[in-house]
Amino acid sequence: MPKVKRNSSAKKRFSLTGTGKVKRKHAFKRHILTKKTTKQKRALTHSGLVHESDMNNVKAMLNL
């Protein structure tokens, strides 16, 4: 039997919390930041959680 591989892009973008939820980073924080407000950029700094409707797809990519 071959090894089961997890999706390489998903393992770089997502991580698990202690309770089994999937943690992610916010988008839109890489470039073109001059037109965004300081409040918006500060809010995008914090990590968030994957929505429940996407949880099964992400966990399938991570082989969980």
PDB file of N, CA and C in Angstrom:
ATOM      1  N   MET A   1       0.840  -1.188   0.000  1.00  0.00           N
ATOM      2  CA  MET A   1       0.000   0.000   0.000  1.00  0.00           C
ATOM      3  C   MET A   1       0.888   1.256   0.000  1.00  0.00           C
ATOM      4  N   PRO A   2       0.583   2.202  -0.864  1.00  0.00           N
ATOM      5  CA  PRO A   2       1.358   3.450  -0.834  1.00  0.00           C
ATOM      6  C   PRO A   2       0.961   4.314   0.367  1.00  0.00           C
ATOM      7  N   LYS A   3       1.843   5.229   0.697  1.00  0.00           N
ATOM      8  CA  LYS A   3       1.552   6.143   1.787  1.00  0.00           C
ATOM      9  C   LYS A   3       0.447   7.113   1.375  1.00  0.00           C
ATOM     10  N   VAL A   4      -0.356   7.539   2.342  1.00  0.00           N
ATOM     11  CA  VAL A   4      -1.381   8.540   2.090  1.00  0.00           C
ATOM     12  C   VAL A   4      -0.731   9.904   2.259  1.00  0.00           C
ATOM     13  N   LYS A   5      -0.752  10.703   1.198  1.00  0.00           N
ATOM     14  CA  LYS A   5      -0.111  12.018   1.253  1.00  0.00           C
ATOM     15  C   LYS A   5      -1.152  13.087   1.530  1.00  0.00           C
ATOM     16  N   ARG A   6      -0.752  14.070   2.312  1.00  0.00           N
ATOM     17  CA  ARG A   6      -1.626  15.216   2.541  1.00  0.00           C
ATOM     18  C   ARG A   6      -1.299  16.294   1.527  1.00  0.00           C
ATOM     19  N   ASN A   7      -2.241  17.163   1.295  1.00  0.00           N
ATOM     20  CA  ASN A   7      -2.096  18.232   0.316  1.00  0.00           C
ATOM     21  C   ASN A   7      -1.029  19.222   0.793  1.00  0.00           C
ATOM     22  N   SER A   8       0.016  19.436  -0.024  1.00  0.00           N
ATOM     23  CA  SER A   8       1.143  20.265   0.396  1.00  0.00           C
ATOM     24  C   SER A   8       0.747  21.717   0.607  1.00  0.00           C
ATOM     25  N   SER A   9      -0.129  22.249  -0.248  1.00  0.00           N
ATOM     26  CA  SER A   9      -0.525  23.639  -0.080  1.00  0.00           C
ATOM     27  C   SER A   9      -1.392  23.808   1.165  1.00  0.00           C
ATOM     28  N   ALA A  10      -2.207  22.811   1.482  1.00  0.00           N
ATOM     29  CA  ALA A  10      -3.083  22.911   2.650  1.00  0.00           C
ATOM     30  C   ALA A  10      -2.281  22.829   3.943  1.00  0.00           C
ATOM     31  N   LYS A  11      -1.249  22.010   3.989  1.00  0.00           N
ATOM     32  CA  LYS A  11      -0.496  21.880   5.236  1.00  0.00           C
ATOM     33  C   LYS A  11       0.327  23.127   5.531  1.00  0.00           C
ATOM     34  N   LYS A  12       0.601  23.947   4.497  1.00  0.00           N
ATOM     35  CA  LYS A  12       1.290  25.221   4.721  1.00  0.00           C
ATOM     36  C   LYS A  12       0.323  26.308   5.179  1.00  0.00           C
ATOM     37  N   ARG A  13      -0.953  26.179   4.856  1.00  0.00           N
ATOM     38  CA  ARG A  13      -1.911  27.252   5.116  1.00  0.00           C
ATOM     39  C   ARG A  13      -2.766  27.037   6.364  1.00  0.00           C
ATOM     40  N   PHE A  14      -2.944  25.802   6.786  1.00  0.00           N
ATOM     41  CA  PHE A  14      -3.838  25.508   7.899  1.00  0.00           C
ATOM     42  C   PHE A  14      -3.093  24.788   9.009  1.00  0.00           C
ATOM     43  N   SER A  15      -3.584  24.980  10.242  1.00  0.00           N
ATOM     44  CA  SER A  15      -3.057  24.221  11.373  1.00  0.00           C
ATOM     45  C   SER A  15      -4.215  23.922  12.321  1.00  0.00           C
ATOM     46  N   LEU A  16      -4.040  22.913  13.127  1.00  0.00           N
ATOM     47  CA  LEU A  16      -5.092  22.495  14.043  1.00  0.00           C
ATOM     48  C   LEU A  16      -4.942  23.170  15.396  1.00  0.00           C
ATOM     49  N   THR A  17      -6.064  23.474  16.028  1.00  0.00           N
ATOM     50  CA  THR A  17      -6.054  23.962  17.394  1.00  0.00           C
ATOM     51  C   THR A  17      -6.140  22.755  18.326  1.00  0.00           C
ATOM     52  N   GLY A  18      -6.053  23.004  19.601  1.00  0.00           N
ATOM     53  CA  GLY A  18      -6.119  21.916  20.576  1.00  0.00           C
ATOM     54  C   GLY A  18      -7.466  21.234  20.610  1.00  0.00           C
ATOM     55  N   THR A  19      -8.529  21.953  20.257  1.00  0.00           N
ATOM     56  CA  THR A  19      -9.869  21.374  20.296  1.00  0.00           C
ATOM     57  C   THR A  19     -10.275  20.740  18.972  1.00  0.00           C
ATOM     58  N   GLY A  20      -9.372  20.740  17.976  1.00  0.00           N
ATOM     59  CA  GLY A  20      -9.670  20.090  16.706  1.00  0.00           C
ATOM     60  C   GLY A  20     -10.206  21.015  15.637  1.00  0.00           C
ATOM     61  N   LYS A  21     -10.295  22.315  15.927  1.00  0.00           N
ATOM     62  CA  LYS A  21     -10.717  23.259  14.900  1.00  0.00           C
ATOM     63  C   LYS A  21      -9.518  23.577  14.004  1.00  0.00           C
ATOM     64  N   VAL A  22      -9.802  24.139  12.830  1.00  0.00           N
ATOM     65  CA  VAL A  22      -8.740  24.436  11.876  1.00  0.00           C
ATOM     66  C   VAL A  22      -8.502  25.935  11.851  1.00  0.00           C
ATOM     67  N   LYS A  23      -7.243  26.315  12.077  1.00  0.00           N
ATOM     68  CA  LYS A  23      -6.865  27.723  12.132  1.00  0.00           C
ATOM     69  C   LYS A  23      -6.346  28.157  10.769  1.00  0.00           C
ATOM     70  N   ARG A  24      -6.605  29.425  10.404  1.00  0.00           N
ATOM     71  CA  ARG A  24      -6.158  29.958   9.125  1.00  0.00           C
ATOM     72  C   ARG A  24      -5.754  31.407   9.294  1.00  0.00           C
ATOM     73  N   LYS A  25      -5.081  31.945   8.292  1.00  0.00           N
ATOM     74  CA  LYS A  25      -4.732  33.359   8.282  1.00  0.00           C
ATOM     75  C   LYS A  25      -5.669  34.091   7.338  1.00  0.00           C
ATOM     76  N   HIS A  26      -5.807  35.406   7.560  1.00  0.00           N
ATOM     77  CA  HIS A  26      -6.658  36.216   6.697  1.00  0.00           C
ATOM     78  C   HIS A  26      -5.937  36.559   5.402  1.00  0.00           C
ATOM     79  N   ALA A  27      -6.713  36.743   4.352  1.00  0.00           N
ATOM     80  CA  ALA A  27      -6.177  37.149   3.054  1.00  0.00           C
ATOM     81  C   ALA A  27      -6.108  38.673   2.983  1.00  0.00           C
ATOM     82  N   PHE A  28      -5.610  39.197   1.872  1.00  0.00           N
ATOM     83  CA  PHE A  28      -5.563  40.631   1.572  1.00  0.00           C
ATOM     84  C   PHE A  28      -4.608  41.409   2.476  1.00  0.00           C
ATOM     85  N   LYS A  29      -3.523  40.785   2.923  1.00  0.00           N
ATOM     86  CA  LYS A  29      -2.555  41.487   3.774  1.00  0.00           C
ATOM     87  C   LYS A  29      -1.156  41.467   3.152  1.00  0.00           C
ATOM     88  N   ARG A  30      -1.025  41.094   1.886  1.00  0.00           N
ATOM     89  CA  ARG A  30       0.286  40.933   1.267  1.00  0.00           C
ATOM     90  C   ARG A  30       0.801  42.191   0.595  1.00  0.00           C
ATOM     91  N   HIS A  31      -0.009  42.837  -0.225  1.00  0.00           N
ATOM     92  CA  HIS A  31       0.453  43.999  -0.971  1.00  0.00           C
ATOM     93  C   HIS A  31      -0.738  44.912  -1.242  1.00  0.00           C
ATOM     94  N   ILE A  32      -0.480  46.051  -1.846  1.00  0.00           N
ATOM     95  CA  ILE A  32      -1.484  47.101  -2.068  1.00  0.00           C
ATOM     96  C   ILE A  32      -2.134  47.471  -0.733  1.00  0.00           C
ATOM     97  N   LEU A  33      -1.284  47.844   0.229  1.00  0.00           N
ATOM     98  CA  LEU A  33      -1.775  48.144   1.567  1.00  0.00           C
ATOM     99  C   LEU A  33      -2.012  49.639   1.788  1.00  0.00           C
ATOM    100  N   THR A  34      -1.637  50.472   0.815  1.00  0.00           N
ATOM    101  CA  THR A  34      -1.752  51.911   1.039  1.00  0.00           C
ATOM    102  C   THR A  34      -3.198  52.375   1.054  1.00  0.00           C
ATOM    103  N   LYS A  35      -4.056  51.714   0.303  1.00  0.00           N
ATOM    104  CA  LYS A  35      -5.457  52.132   0.262  1.00  0.00           C
ATOM    105  C   LYS A  35      -6.290  51.529   1.380  1.00  0.00           C
ATOM    106  N   LYS A  36      -5.720  50.624   2.156  1.00  0.00           N
ATOM    107  CA  LYS A  36      -6.457  50.002   3.251  1.00  0.00           C
ATOM    108  C   LYS A  36      -6.225  50.803   4.529  1.00  0.00           C
ATOM    109  N   THR A  37      -7.251  50.874   5.350  1.00  0.00           N
ATOM    110  CA  THR A  37      -7.137  51.634   6.589  1.00  0.00           C
ATOM    111  C   THR A  37      -6.295  50.862   7.604  1.00  0.00           C
ATOM    112  N   THR A  38      -5.787  51.573   8.580  1.00  0.00           N
ATOM    113  CA  THR A  38      -4.993  50.943   9.636  1.00  0.00           C
ATOM    114  C   THR A  38      -5.834  49.938  10.408  1.00  0.00           C
ATOM    115  N   LYS A  39      -7.087  50.275  10.631  1.00  0.00           N
ATOM    116  CA  LYS A  39      -7.986  49.374  11.350  1.00  0.00           C
ATOM    117  C   LYS A  39      -8.180  48.070  10.582  1.00  0.00           C
ATOM    118  N   GLN A  40      -8.338  48.179   9.265  1.00  0.00           N
ATOM    119  CA  GLN A  40      -8.529  46.990   8.442  1.00  0.00           C
ATOM    120  C   GLN A  40      -7.277  46.119   8.441  1.00  0.00           C
ATOM    121  N   LYS A  41      -6.109  46.736   8.311  1.00  0.00           N
ATOM    122  CA  LYS A  41      -4.857  45.976   8.299  1.00  0.00           C
ATOM    123  C   LYS A  41      -4.601  45.312   9.640  1.00  0.00           C
ATOM    124  N   ARG A  42      -4.945  45.998  10.718  1.00  0.00           N
ATOM    125  CA  ARG A  42      -4.750  45.421  12.052  1.00  0.00           C
ATOM    126  C   ARG A  42      -5.683  44.235  12.265  1.00  0.00           C
ATOM    127  N   ALA A  43      -6.908  44.329  11.760  1.00  0.00           N
ATOM    128  CA  ALA A  43      -7.858  43.224  11.905  1.00  0.00           C
ATOM    129  C   ALA A  43      -7.432  42.008  11.090  1.00  0.00           C
ATOM    130  N   LEU A  44      -6.784  42.244   9.947  1.00  0.00           N
ATOM    131  CA  LEU A  44      -6.333  41.139   9.103  1.00  0.00           C
ATOM    132  C   LEU A  44      -5.110  40.432   9.672  1.00  0.00           C
ATOM    133  N   THR A  45      -4.443  41.048  10.646  1.00  0.00           N
ATOM    134  CA  THR A  45      -3.249  40.449  11.243  1.00  0.00           C
ATOM    135  C   THR A  45      -3.594  39.203  12.043  1.00  0.00           C
ATOM    136  N   HIS A  46      -4.719  39.239  12.723  1.00  0.00           N
ATOM    137  CA  HIS A  46      -5.090  38.134  13.607  1.00  0.00           C
ATOM    138  C   HIS A  46      -5.563  36.929  12.800  1.00  0.00           C
ATOM    139  N   SER A  47      -5.292  35.762  13.326  1.00  0.00           N
ATOM    140  CA  SER A  47      -5.723  34.541  12.643  1.00  0.00           C
ATOM    141  C   SER A  47      -7.189  34.269  12.940  1.00  0.00           C
ATOM    142  N   GLY A  48      -7.811  33.479  12.074  1.00  0.00           N
ATOM    143  CA  GLY A  48      -9.209  33.131  12.244  1.00  0.00           C
ATOM    144  C   GLY A  48      -9.391  31.629  12.163  1.00  0.00           C
ATOM    145  N   LEU A  49     -10.621  31.203  12.158  1.00  0.00           N
ATOM    146  CA  LEU A  49     -10.947  29.782  12.060  1.00  0.00           C
ATOM    147  C   LEU A  49     -11.650  29.515  10.735  1.00  0.00           C
ATOM    148  N   VAL A  50     -11.477  28.314  10.232  1.00  0.00           N
ATOM    149  CA  VAL A  50     -12.155  27.906   9.006  1.00  0.00           C
ATOM    150  C   VAL A  50     -13.641  27.731   9.317  1.00  0.00           C
ATOM    151  N   HIS A  51     -14.489  28.173   8.416  1.00  0.00           N
ATOM    152  CA  HIS A  51     -15.937  28.082   8.610  1.00  0.00           C
ATOM    153  C   HIS A  51     -16.364  26.614   8.629  1.00  0.00           C
ATOM    154  N   GLU A  52     -17.436  26.345   9.356  1.00  0.00           N
ATOM    155  CA  GLU A  52     -17.913  24.964   9.516  1.00  0.00           C
ATOM    156  C   GLU A  52     -18.255  24.304   8.191  1.00  0.00           C
ATOM    157  N   SER A  53     -18.766  25.089   7.230  1.00  0.00           N
ATOM    158  CA  SER A  53     -19.144  24.513   5.948  1.00  0.00           C
ATOM    159  C   SER A  53     -17.933  24.091   5.120  1.00  0.00           C
ATOM    160  N   ASP A  54     -16.761  24.676   5.391  1.00  0.00           N
ATOM    161  CA  ASP A  54     -15.531  24.306   4.675  1.00  0.00           C
ATOM    162  C   ASP A  54     -14.680  23.308   5.443  1.00  0.00           C
ATOM    163  N   MET A  55     -15.073  22.994   6.661  1.00  0.00           N
ATOM    164  CA  MET A  55     -14.244  22.173   7.538  1.00  0.00           C
ATOM    165  C   MET A  55     -13.981  20.783   6.968  1.00  0.00           C
ATOM    166  N   ASN A  56     -14.997  20.148   6.393  1.00  0.00           N
ATOM    167  CA  ASN A  56     -14.805  18.791   5.876  1.00  0.00           C
ATOM    168  C   ASN A  56     -13.832  18.766   4.707  1.00  0.00           C
ATOM    169  N   ASN A  57     -13.891  19.780   3.834  1.00  0.00           N
ATOM    170  CA  ASN A  57     -12.965  19.823   2.698  1.00  0.00           C
ATOM    171  C   ASN A  57     -11.542  20.033   3.165  1.00  0.00           C
ATOM    172  N   VAL A  58     -11.330  20.911   4.125  1.00  0.00           N
ATOM    173  CA  VAL A  58      -9.980  21.178   4.619  1.00  0.00           C
ATOM    174  C   VAL A  58      -9.430  19.961   5.340  1.00  0.00           C
ATOM    175  N   LYS A  59     -10.235  19.321   6.151  1.00  0.00           N
ATOM    176  CA  LYS A  59      -9.770  18.139   6.866  1.00  0.00           C
ATOM    177  C   LYS A  59      -9.469  16.986   5.924  1.00  0.00           C
ATOM    178  N   ALA A  60     -10.189  16.918   4.805  1.00  0.00           N
ATOM    179  CA  ALA A  60      -9.894  15.883   3.807  1.00  0.00           C
ATOM    180  C   ALA A  60      -8.548  16.148   3.143  1.00  0.00           C
ATOM    181  N   MET A  61      -8.237  17.419   2.901  1.00  0.00           N
ATOM    182  CA  MET A  61      -6.937  17.748   2.308  1.00  0.00           C
ATOM    183  C   MET A  61      -5.791  17.469   3.276  1.00  0.00           C
ATOM    184  N   LEU A  62      -6.075  17.582   4.594  1.00  0.00           N
ATOM    185  CA  LEU A  62      -5.054  17.331   5.602  1.00  0.00           C
ATOM    186  C   LEU A  62      -5.045  15.879   6.062  1.00  0.00           C
ATOM    187  N   ASN A  63      -5.931  15.052   5.530  1.00  0.00           N
ATOM    188  CA  ASN A  63      -6.053  13.641   5.905  1.00  0.00           C
ATOM    189  C   ASN A  63      -6.296  13.475   7.400  1.00  0.00           C
ATOM    190  N   LEU A  64      -7.272  14.198   7.929  1.00  0.00           N
ATOM    191  CA  LEU A  64      -7.592  14.095   9.350  1.00  0.00           C
ATOM    192  C   LEU A  64      -8.853  13.287   9.559  1.00  0.00           C
TER     193      LEU A  64
END
